[in-house]
């Protein structure tokens, strides 16, 4: 008599157990593959305004929702959306104005979530005193990322609304995203319009914040999750997983700043821990990372008004035409 493969079980029980084992062996690889579905994802630039993305990665929230993000930095807002348009990335985060620009020209695009809810930029200088009125920028050299990146756009609008003529009353020097602080410290400009962790790094070298765009502009859809219409139709489950992961990360970022700091140190290991801690404290103090993945219509309207003013868009599209909040709302309700 052949011994039972499961000692202590009856023949019937053993057969049932064996069948379950076979079923598990057949389905396990499929489940494992589903749990690690890889998704290409680009960020405009690697910066701490996107701390929710990094918290989501390090805490495993995206994987828990069935996707693994392969993240790369595109080098700017335009490049991030170009990667989505070109098919080299399924998702991109950056200035969501890229989507209405595309749609107004007859192209595709949707925004399915919010990542940064206020203008995440600060005026940083080694020599200037705090600027309380935008007119005080007169006569200064200002360094930003190139047009149409968001820090250029918010700066241009601020200056022109103050009655300053760019090129006559004030100079804007455009450099590659992420190099604004270096240009200022090298003496090429009086003030840099920059973001974290560059701002905190500059402060550690003797510079200081002289202007705060987050309060000057107010609630503002600074960064959104951009995707193609075909992805919404063909892969709604992946979009839902992404929004779920972001929402969970957003809650963790604000509830557990210590964890956010740990993550930030891993993302920027070249910077001293105290610099990173200062950067995260500043981000949360000014409520810069989004607290909900849902795109707020008032924040979106603030962004659109700025872009119409700058003539980057015509303003012919409606909120519902550009923003699909269905996935974000479901994530926020979970």
Protein backbone atom coordinates (compact mmCIF):
# COMPACT_ATOMS: atom_id res chain seq x y z
CA UNK A 1 0.00 0.00 0.00
CA UNK A 2 1.36 3.33 -1.00
CA UNK A 3 1.69 5.70 1.95
CA UNK A 4 -0.46 8.80 2.05
CA UNK A 5 1.38 12.02 1.13
CA UNK A 6 -0.20 13.82 4.10
CA UNK A 7 0.28 11.73 7.27
CA UNK A 8 -2.65 11.83 9.64
CA UNK A 9 -5.23 12.52 6.91
CA UNK A 10 -7.78 10.11 5.46
CA UNK A 11 -7.41 9.20 1.79
CA UNK A 12 -10.26 11.56 0.93
CA UNK A 13 -8.73 14.37 2.97
CA UNK A 14 -5.36 13.74 1.43
CA UNK A 15 -6.79 13.93 -2.08
CA UNK A 16 -8.53 17.19 -1.23
CA UNK A 17 -5.33 18.63 0.19
CA UNK A 18 -3.34 17.47 -2.81
CA UNK A 19 -5.86 19.06 -5.14
CA UNK A 20 -5.66 22.33 -3.24
CA UNK A 21 -1.88 22.22 -3.42
CA UNK A 22 -1.98 21.68 -7.18
CA UNK A 23 -4.46 24.53 -7.60
CA UNK A 24 -2.25 26.80 -5.50
CA UNK A 25 0.82 25.93 -7.52
CA UNK A 26 -1.01 26.73 -10.73
CA UNK A 27 -2.46 30.03 -9.59
CA UNK A 28 0.37 31.38 -7.42
CA UNK A 29 2.59 32.54 -10.30
CA UNK A 30 -0.36 34.33 -11.87
CA UNK A 31 -1.19 36.08 -8.60
CA UNK A 32 2.44 37.04 -8.05
CA UNK A 33 2.66 38.53 -11.49
CA UNK A 34 -0.54 40.52 -10.93
CA UNK A 35 0.77 41.83 -7.62
CA UNK A 36 3.91 43.20 -9.26
CA UNK A 37 2.52 44.65 -12.47
CA UNK A 38 5.17 47.13 -13.57
CA UNK A 39 4.17 50.63 -14.62
CA UNK A 40 6.37 53.26 -16.25
CA UNK A 41 6.10 56.57 -14.44
CA UNK A 42 7.94 59.89 -14.95
CA UNK A 43 8.30 62.82 -12.58
CA UNK A 44 9.13 66.25 -13.98
CA UNK A 45 12.13 66.62 -11.67
CA UNK A 46 13.24 64.77 -8.57
CA UNK A 47 12.22 67.03 -5.69
CA UNK A 48 10.58 66.92 -2.27
CA UNK A 49 7.37 68.51 -3.48
CA UNK A 50 6.70 64.96 -4.66
CA UNK A 51 7.27 63.45 -1.22
CA UNK A 52 3.92 61.63 -1.42
CA UNK A 53 5.23 59.65 -4.40
CA UNK A 54 8.34 58.59 -2.50
CA UNK A 55 6.41 57.77 0.68
CA UNK A 56 4.10 55.60 -1.41
CA UNK A 57 7.05 53.76 -2.89
CA UNK A 58 8.96 53.19 0.33
CA UNK A 59 5.88 52.24 2.34
CA UNK A 60 4.84 49.77 -0.35
CA UNK A 61 1.42 51.34 -0.92
CA UNK A 62 1.57 51.02 -4.71
CA UNK A 63 2.64 47.38 -4.52
CA UNK A 64 -0.16 46.67 -2.05
CA UNK A 65 -2.53 47.96 -4.71
CA UNK A 66 -1.05 45.70 -7.36
CA UNK A 67 1.45 47.89 -9.21
CA UNK A 68 5.18 48.60 -9.10
CA UNK A 69 6.26 52.02 -10.33
CA UNK A 70 9.41 52.32 -12.41
CA UNK A 71 10.10 56.00 -11.79
CA UNK A 72 12.45 58.25 -13.74
CA UNK A 73 12.96 62.02 -13.86
CA UNK A 74 12.08 63.62 -17.18
CA UNK A 75 13.92 66.92 -16.72
CA UNK A 76 10.93 69.28 -16.72
CA UNK A 77 7.16 69.60 -17.03
CA UNK A 78 7.10 69.60 -20.83
CA UNK A 79 9.35 66.55 -20.99
CA UNK A 80 7.21 64.66 -18.47
CA UNK A 81 4.04 65.02 -20.53
CA UNK A 82 5.97 64.38 -23.74
CA UNK A 83 6.96 60.99 -22.30
CA UNK A 84 3.27 60.21 -21.74
CA UNK A 85 2.30 61.40 -25.22
CA UNK A 86 5.12 59.39 -26.77
CA UNK A 87 4.20 56.21 -24.93
CA UNK A 88 7.47 55.80 -23.02
CA UNK A 89 5.57 56.37 -19.76
CA UNK A 90 2.02 55.46 -18.75
CA UNK A 91 1.85 58.28 -16.20
CA UNK A 92 3.61 61.59 -15.71
CA UNK A 93 3.51 64.14 -12.91
CA UNK A 94 4.29 67.79 -13.45
CA UNK A 95 2.50 71.01 -14.35
CA UNK A 96 -0.93 69.75 -15.47
CA UNK A 97 -1.29 72.75 -17.78
CA UNK A 98 0.36 70.49 -20.35
CA UNK A 99 -2.95 68.65 -20.72
CA UNK A 100 -5.20 71.62 -21.68
CA UNK A 101 -2.41 72.82 -23.99
CA UNK A 102 -2.63 69.45 -25.74
CA UNK A 103 -6.43 69.31 -25.78
CA UNK A 104 -6.77 72.85 -27.16
CA UNK A 105 -4.61 71.71 -30.08
CA UNK A 106 -6.78 68.66 -30.68
CA UNK A 107 -4.52 66.26 -28.80
CA UNK A 108 -5.17 63.78 -25.99
CA UNK A 109 -4.69 63.93 -22.26
CA UNK A 110 -6.43 63.83 -18.89
CA UNK A 111 -5.53 64.73 -15.32
CA UNK A 112 -6.58 62.03 -12.87
CA UNK A 113 -5.13 63.27 -9.60
CA UNK A 114 -3.41 66.00 -7.60
CA UNK A 115 0.12 65.66 -6.17
CA UNK A 116 1.06 69.22 -5.11
CA UNK A 117 -1.70 71.56 -3.90
CA UNK A 118 0.15 74.86 -3.53
CA UNK A 119 2.89 76.65 -5.45
CA UNK A 120 5.94 74.88 -4.04
CA UNK A 121 8.43 77.66 -4.79
CA UNK A 122 10.41 80.04 -2.63
CA UNK A 123 12.52 83.05 -3.48
CA UNK A 124 15.97 82.33 -2.00
CA UNK A 125 18.85 84.77 -1.70
CA UNK A 126 22.19 85.25 0.03
CA UNK A 127 22.02 89.04 0.06
CA UNK A 128 18.41 90.26 -0.03
CA UNK A 129 16.08 91.11 2.82
CA UNK A 130 12.57 89.58 2.87
CA UNK A 131 10.41 90.83 0.00
CA UNK A 132 6.94 91.82 1.15
CA UNK A 133 5.75 93.46 -2.07
CA UNK A 134 6.39 91.99 -5.55
CA UNK A 135 7.35 95.47 -6.72
CA UNK A 136 10.50 95.03 -4.63
CA UNK A 137 11.80 92.61 -7.27
CA UNK A 138 12.47 95.64 -9.47
CA UNK A 139 16.10 95.87 -10.51
CA UNK A 140 16.88 92.28 -9.54
CA UNK A 141 18.17 89.30 -11.49
CA UNK A 142 15.92 86.27 -10.93
CA UNK A 143 16.80 82.71 -11.92
CA UNK A 144 14.11 80.10 -12.69
CA UNK A 145 13.57 77.01 -14.78
CA UNK A 146 12.77 77.67 -18.46
CA UNK A 147 9.35 78.74 -19.71
CA UNK A 148 6.79 77.06 -19.49
CA UNK A 149 7.91 75.29 -16.28
CA UNK A 150 5.76 76.28 -13.33
CA UNK A 151 8.31 78.27 -11.35
CA UNK A 152 8.88 80.45 -14.44
CA UNK A 153 5.12 80.88 -14.92
CA UNK A 154 4.34 81.87 -11.34
CA UNK A 155 7.27 84.30 -11.33
CA UNK A 156 6.31 85.93 -14.63
CA UNK A 157 2.72 86.40 -13.53
CA UNK A 158 3.74 87.82 -10.16
CA UNK A 159 6.08 90.36 -11.77
CA UNK A 160 3.77 91.48 -14.56
CA UNK A 161 0.81 91.85 -12.19
CA UNK A 162 3.04 94.10 -10.10
CA UNK A 163 3.54 96.30 -13.16
CA UNK A 164 7.14 95.24 -13.80
CA UNK A 165 8.36 94.78 -17.37
CA UNK A 166 10.55 91.73 -17.77
CA UNK A 167 13.76 92.62 -19.54
CA UNK A 168 13.52 96.26 -18.51
CA UNK A 169 12.60 96.43 -14.83
CA UNK A 170 13.70 92.93 -13.88
CA UNK A 171 15.72 90.16 -15.47
CA UNK A 172 14.69 86.49 -15.58
CA UNK A 173 17.53 84.06 -16.20
CA UNK A 174 16.39 80.60 -17.32
CA UNK A 175 18.45 77.56 -16.35
CA UNK A 176 17.92 73.80 -16.33
CA UNK A 177 15.40 72.66 -13.68
CA UNK A 178 17.11 71.91 -10.40
CA UNK A 179 20.11 74.20 -11.02
CA UNK A 180 18.49 77.46 -9.90
CA UNK A 181 20.14 77.49 -6.47
CA UNK A 182 23.58 76.81 -7.93
CA UNK A 183 23.21 79.70 -10.35
CA UNK A 184 22.26 82.06 -7.53
CA UNK A 185 25.09 80.91 -5.27
CA UNK A 186 27.50 81.38 -8.18
CA UNK A 187 26.48 85.03 -8.45
CA UNK A 188 24.53 84.78 -11.70
CA UNK A 189 21.36 86.06 -10.01
CA UNK A 190 20.22 87.91 -6.91
CA UNK A 191 17.42 85.50 -6.11
CA UNK A 192 16.54 81.95 -7.14
CA UNK A 193 12.98 80.69 -7.47
CA UNK A 194 13.46 77.14 -6.25
CA UNK A 195 11.92 74.17 -4.49
CA UNK A 196 12.87 71.58 -1.90
CA UNK A 197 15.36 70.19 -1.05
CA UNK A 198 17.36 72.87 -2.88
CA UNK A 199 15.89 75.59 -0.69
CA UNK A 200 16.93 73.86 2.53
CA UNK A 201 20.36 73.14 1.07
CA UNK A 202 20.81 76.82 0.20
CA UNK A 203 19.76 77.80 3.72
CA UNK A 204 22.45 75.51 5.13
CA UNK A 205 24.97 77.46 3.06
CA UNK A 206 23.93 80.86 4.39
CA UNK A 207 21.08 81.80 2.06
CA UNK A 208 17.54 82.44 3.31
CA UNK A 209 13.96 82.53 2.08
CA UNK A 210 12.96 86.02 1.00
CA UNK A 211 9.62 85.26 -0.69
CA UNK A 212 6.95 82.57 -0.30
CA UNK A 213 4.92 81.74 -3.41
CA UNK A 214 2.64 79.25 -1.65
CA UNK A 215 0.90 81.99 0.33
CA UNK A 216 1.25 84.66 -2.34
CA UNK A 217 -0.71 82.51 -4.80
CA UNK A 218 -2.86 80.46 -2.43
CA UNK A 219 -4.39 77.03 -3.14
CA UNK A 220 -3.10 76.01 -6.53
CA UNK A 221 -2.92 72.82 -8.58
CA UNK A 222 0.85 72.89 -8.96
CA UNK A 223 1.30 69.24 -9.94
CA UNK A 224 -1.09 66.68 -11.35
CA UNK A 225 -1.09 63.08 -12.55
CA UNK A 226 -1.26 63.14 -16.35
CA UNK A 227 -2.39 60.24 -18.51
CA UNK A 228 -3.76 59.49 -21.97
CA UNK A 229 -7.46 58.94 -22.66
CA UNK A 230 -6.67 55.48 -24.03
CA UNK A 231 -5.18 54.48 -20.68
CA UNK A 232 -8.41 55.44 -18.91
CA UNK A 233 -10.36 53.26 -21.32
CA UNK A 234 -7.93 50.36 -21.44
CA UNK A 235 -6.38 50.25 -17.96
CA UNK A 236 -8.78 51.78 -15.43
CA UNK A 237 -7.65 49.26 -12.81
CA UNK A 238 -4.08 50.55 -12.97
CA UNK A 239 -5.24 54.15 -12.59
CA UNK A 240 -7.31 53.17 -9.58
CA UNK A 241 -4.34 51.38 -8.04
CA UNK A 242 -2.17 54.43 -8.58
CA UNK A 243 -4.69 56.81 -7.02
CA UNK A 244 -5.23 54.44 -4.08
CA UNK A 245 -1.48 54.33 -3.45
CA UNK A 246 -1.14 58.10 -3.63
CA UNK A 247 -4.04 58.69 -1.25
CA UNK A 248 -2.62 56.28 1.31
CA UNK A 249 0.78 57.96 0.98
CA UNK A 250 -0.72 61.43 1.44
CA UNK A 251 -2.34 60.41 4.69
CA UNK A 252 0.93 58.89 5.92
CA UNK A 253 3.00 61.95 4.98
CA UNK A 254 0.94 64.32 7.12
CA UNK A 255 0.26 61.84 9.93
CA UNK A 256 3.84 60.62 10.23
CA UNK A 257 6.38 63.35 9.33
CA UNK A 258 9.18 61.29 10.89
CA UNK A 259 8.61 58.57 8.31
CA UNK A 260 8.47 61.16 5.51
CA UNK A 261 11.87 62.42 6.67
CA UNK A 262 13.31 58.90 6.66
CA UNK A 263 12.07 58.43 3.10
CA UNK A 264 13.41 61.81 1.99
CA UNK A 265 16.87 60.97 3.36
CA UNK A 266 16.91 57.81 1.26
CA UNK A 267 15.83 59.73 -1.84
CA UNK A 268 18.50 62.40 -1.31
CA UNK A 269 21.35 60.57 0.45
CA UNK A 270 23.88 63.19 -0.66
CA UNK A 271 22.32 65.81 1.62
CA UNK A 272 22.82 66.08 5.40
CA UNK A 273 19.90 64.73 7.47
CA UNK A 274 19.26 68.12 9.09
CA UNK A 275 18.86 69.70 5.64
CA UNK A 276 16.33 67.06 4.67
CA UNK A 277 14.44 67.43 7.95
CA UNK A 278 14.22 71.19 7.44
CA UNK A 279 12.94 70.68 3.90
CA UNK A 280 10.15 68.32 5.00
CA UNK A 281 9.20 70.58 7.90
CA UNK A 282 8.86 73.48 5.47
CA UNK A 283 6.84 71.42 2.97
CA UNK A 284 4.35 70.41 5.64
CA UNK A 285 4.26 73.81 7.32
CA UNK A 286 3.14 75.41 4.06
CA UNK A 287 0.79 72.47 3.22
CA UNK A 288 2.50 71.99 -0.14
CA UNK A 289 2.07 68.25 -0.80
CA UNK A 290 -1.51 67.36 -1.64
CA UNK A 291 -3.62 66.11 1.24
CA UNK A 292 -6.08 64.47 -1.14
CA UNK A 293 -5.49 62.97 -4.56
CA UNK A 294 -8.78 64.54 -5.71
CA UNK A 295 -8.18 67.57 -7.94
CA UNK A 296 -9.83 70.54 -6.22
CA UNK A 297 -11.76 72.66 -8.69
CA UNK A 298 -10.83 75.95 -6.99
CA UNK A 299 -7.14 75.02 -7.09
CA UNK A 300 -7.48 74.09 -10.75
CA UNK A 301 -9.25 77.35 -11.53
CA UNK A 302 -6.41 79.28 -9.92
CA UNK A 303 -3.91 77.50 -12.17
CA UNK A 304 -6.00 78.05 -15.31
CA UNK A 305 -6.46 81.76 -14.61
CA UNK A 306 -2.69 82.15 -14.35
CA UNK A 307 -2.05 80.29 -17.60
CA UNK A 308 -4.69 82.28 -19.47
CA UNK A 309 -3.16 85.49 -18.12
CA UNK A 310 0.24 84.36 -19.41
CA UNK A 311 -1.34 83.33 -22.73
CA UNK A 312 -0.03 79.79 -22.41
CA UNK A 313 -3.57 78.55 -23.02
CA UNK A 314 -6.74 80.03 -24.49
CA UNK A 315 -8.90 78.83 -21.59
CA UNK A 316 -11.50 77.18 -23.82
CA UNK A 317 -11.58 73.87 -21.97
CA UNK A 318 -13.80 73.08 -19.00
CA UNK A 319 -12.78 71.37 -15.77
CA UNK A 320 -14.75 68.20 -16.53
CA UNK A 321 -13.19 68.02 -19.98
CA UNK A 322 -9.66 67.87 -18.60
CA UNK A 323 -9.99 66.37 -15.12
CA UNK A 324 -11.32 62.87 -14.44
CA UNK A 325 -11.74 62.70 -10.66
CA UNK A 326 -13.62 59.39 -10.62
CA UNK A 327 -10.59 57.32 -9.58
CA UNK A 328 -9.37 59.89 -7.07
CA UNK A 329 -12.76 60.20 -5.40
CA UNK A 330 -12.96 56.44 -4.97
CA UNK A 331 -9.46 56.41 -3.50
CA UNK A 332 -10.25 59.25 -1.10
CA UNK A 333 -13.39 57.49 0.08
CA UNK A 334 -11.51 54.27 0.82
